[in-house]
Amino acid sequence: MDSCKYTDFGLCVKTELLRRGLEQNWLIAEIKARGMYADSGYLYKIFTGQRAAPKVVAAIQEILDLLPEPVTNDNTE
């Protein structure tokens, strides 16, 4: 079985939660307070890149005061 690795965004969020002494359940509650769905499995999929959820990602960036990820263009030739 192949292990999923965290994306840069996922690592950034996890690191920021640790730095602040907060748990993922706190983040889930904050996301739900903004009227969006979240649970630990859903966040895992976002953090490992298995699921794209731009509204949830934007909410997490706002909650943790993180800068938005830069948009990259993969069509460079």
C-alpha atoms as a PDB file:
ATOM      1  CA  MET A   1       0.000   0.000   0.000  1.00  0.00           C
ATOM      2  CA  ASP A   2       1.324   3.384  -1.026  1.00  0.00           C
ATOM      3  CA  SER A   3       1.538   6.008   1.703  1.00  0.00           C
ATOM      4  CA  CYS A   4       0.198   9.479   0.883  1.00  0.00           C
ATOM      5  CA  LYS A   5       2.496  12.365   1.609  1.00  0.00           C
ATOM      6  CA  TYR A   6       1.397  15.784   2.747  1.00  0.00           C
ATOM      7  CA  THR A   7       1.483  18.641   0.257  1.00  0.00           C
ATOM      8  CA  ASP A   8       3.327  21.849   1.118  1.00  0.00           C
ATOM      9  CA  PHE A   9      -0.015  23.324   2.180  1.00  0.00           C
ATOM     10  CA  GLY A  10      -0.763  20.317   4.402  1.00  0.00           C
ATOM     11  CA  LEU A  11       2.631  20.527   6.078  1.00  0.00           C
ATOM     12  CA  CYS A  12       2.235  24.265   6.558  1.00  0.00           C
ATOM     13  CA  VAL A  13      -1.152  23.845   8.259  1.00  0.00           C
ATOM     14  CA  LYS A  14       0.009  20.989  10.475  1.00  0.00           C
ATOM     15  CA  THR A  15       3.144  22.914  11.468  1.00  0.00           C
ATOM     16  CA  GLU A  16       1.148  26.054  12.250  1.00  0.00           C
ATOM     17  CA  LEU A  17      -1.290  24.107  14.426  1.00  0.00           C
ATOM     18  CA  LEU A  18       1.629  22.588  16.353  1.00  0.00           C
ATOM     19  CA  ARG A  19       3.325  25.975  16.682  1.00  0.00           C
ATOM     20  CA  ARG A  20       0.155  27.438  18.187  1.00  0.00           C
ATOM     21  CA  GLY A  21      -0.505  24.438  20.410  1.00  0.00           C
ATOM     22  CA  LEU A  22      -3.828  23.749  18.700  1.00  0.00           C
ATOM     23  CA  GLU A  23      -5.362  20.483  17.567  1.00  0.00           C
ATOM     24  CA  GLN A  24      -6.921  19.596  14.237  1.00  0.00           C
ATOM     25  CA  ASN A  25     -10.307  19.284  15.985  1.00  0.00           C
ATOM     26  CA  TRP A  26     -10.096  23.008  16.801  1.00  0.00           C
ATOM     27  CA  LEU A  27      -9.523  23.755  13.114  1.00  0.00           C
ATOM     28  CA  ILE A  28     -12.471  21.530  12.144  1.00  0.00           C
ATOM     29  CA  ALA A  29     -14.715  23.435  14.576  1.00  0.00           C
ATOM     30  CA  GLU A  30     -13.550  26.768  13.110  1.00  0.00           C
ATOM     31  CA  ILE A  31     -14.284  25.594   9.568  1.00  0.00           C
ATOM     32  CA  LYS A  32     -17.738  24.336  10.596  1.00  0.00           C
ATOM     33  CA  ALA A  33     -18.428  27.679  12.308  1.00  0.00           C
ATOM     34  CA  ARG A  34     -18.033  29.258   8.855  1.00  0.00           C
ATOM     35  CA  GLY A  35     -20.770  26.994   7.490  1.00  0.00           C
ATOM     36  CA  MET A  36     -18.551  24.491   5.684  1.00  0.00           C
ATOM     37  CA  TYR A  37     -18.191  20.744   6.063  1.00  0.00           C
ATOM     38  CA  ALA A  38     -15.020  19.341   7.610  1.00  0.00           C
ATOM     39  CA  ASP A  39     -13.883  16.240   9.443  1.00  0.00           C
ATOM     40  CA  SER A  40     -10.477  14.641   9.963  1.00  0.00           C
ATOM     41  CA  GLY A  41     -10.774  12.381   6.903  1.00  0.00           C
ATOM     42  CA  TYR A  42     -11.765  15.281   4.659  1.00  0.00           C
ATOM     43  CA  LEU A  43      -8.856  17.415   5.902  1.00  0.00           C
ATOM     44  CA  TYR A  44      -6.479  14.495   5.372  1.00  0.00           C
ATOM     45  CA  LYS A  45      -7.553  14.308   1.739  1.00  0.00           C
ATOM     46  CA  ILE A  46      -7.031  18.055   1.340  1.00  0.00           C
ATOM     47  CA  PHE A  47      -3.640  17.960   3.077  1.00  0.00           C
ATOM     48  CA  THR A  48      -2.403  15.071   0.913  1.00  0.00           C
ATOM     49  CA  GLY A  49      -3.702  16.508  -2.347  1.00  0.00           C
ATOM     50  CA  GLN A  50      -6.346  13.826  -2.898  1.00  0.00           C
ATOM     51  CA  ARG A  51      -9.134  16.398  -2.770  1.00  0.00           C
ATOM     52  CA  ALA A  52      -9.341  19.957  -4.069  1.00  0.00           C
ATOM     53  CA  ALA A  53     -11.502  22.164  -1.864  1.00  0.00           C
ATOM     54  CA  PRO A  54     -10.712  25.810  -2.636  1.00  0.00           C
ATOM     55  CA  LYS A  55     -13.307  27.250  -0.225  1.00  0.00           C
ATOM     56  CA  VAL A  56     -12.076  25.138   2.683  1.00  0.00           C
ATOM     57  CA  VAL A  57      -8.437  25.915   1.833  1.00  0.00           C
ATOM     58  CA  ALA A  58      -9.256  29.646   1.755  1.00  0.00           C
ATOM     59  CA  ALA A  59     -11.030  29.339   5.123  1.00  0.00           C
ATOM     60  CA  ILE A  60      -8.014  27.559   6.638  1.00  0.00           C
ATOM     61  CA  GLN A  61      -5.703  30.261   5.294  1.00  0.00           C
ATOM     62  CA  GLU A  62      -7.924  32.920   6.854  1.00  0.00           C
ATOM     63  CA  ILE A  63      -8.283  31.094  10.180  1.00  0.00           C
ATOM     64  CA  LEU A  64      -4.526  30.541  10.548  1.00  0.00           C
ATOM     65  CA  ASP A  65      -3.461  33.812   8.864  1.00  0.00           C
ATOM     66  CA  LEU A  66      -1.546  31.933   6.191  1.00  0.00           C
ATOM     67  CA  LEU A  67      -0.609  33.494   2.875  1.00  0.00           C
ATOM     68  CA  PRO A  68      -2.395  32.015  -0.151  1.00  0.00           C
ATOM     69  CA  GLU A  69      -0.382  29.530  -2.167  1.00  0.00           C
ATOM     70  CA  PRO A  70       1.096  31.031  -5.320  1.00  0.00           C
ATOM     71  CA  VAL A  71      -0.586  29.929  -8.539  1.00  0.00           C
ATOM     72  CA  THR A  72       1.781  27.973 -10.740  1.00  0.00           C
ATOM     73  CA  ASN A  73       1.476  27.413 -14.446  1.00  0.00           C
ATOM     74  CA  ASP A  74       2.546  23.899 -15.425  1.00  0.00           C
ATOM     75  CA  ASN A  75       2.416  24.740 -19.135  1.00  0.00           C
ATOM     76  CA  THR A  76       5.873  26.298 -19.261  1.00  0.00           C
ATOM     77  CA  GLU A  77       7.738  25.155 -22.338  1.00  0.00           C
END
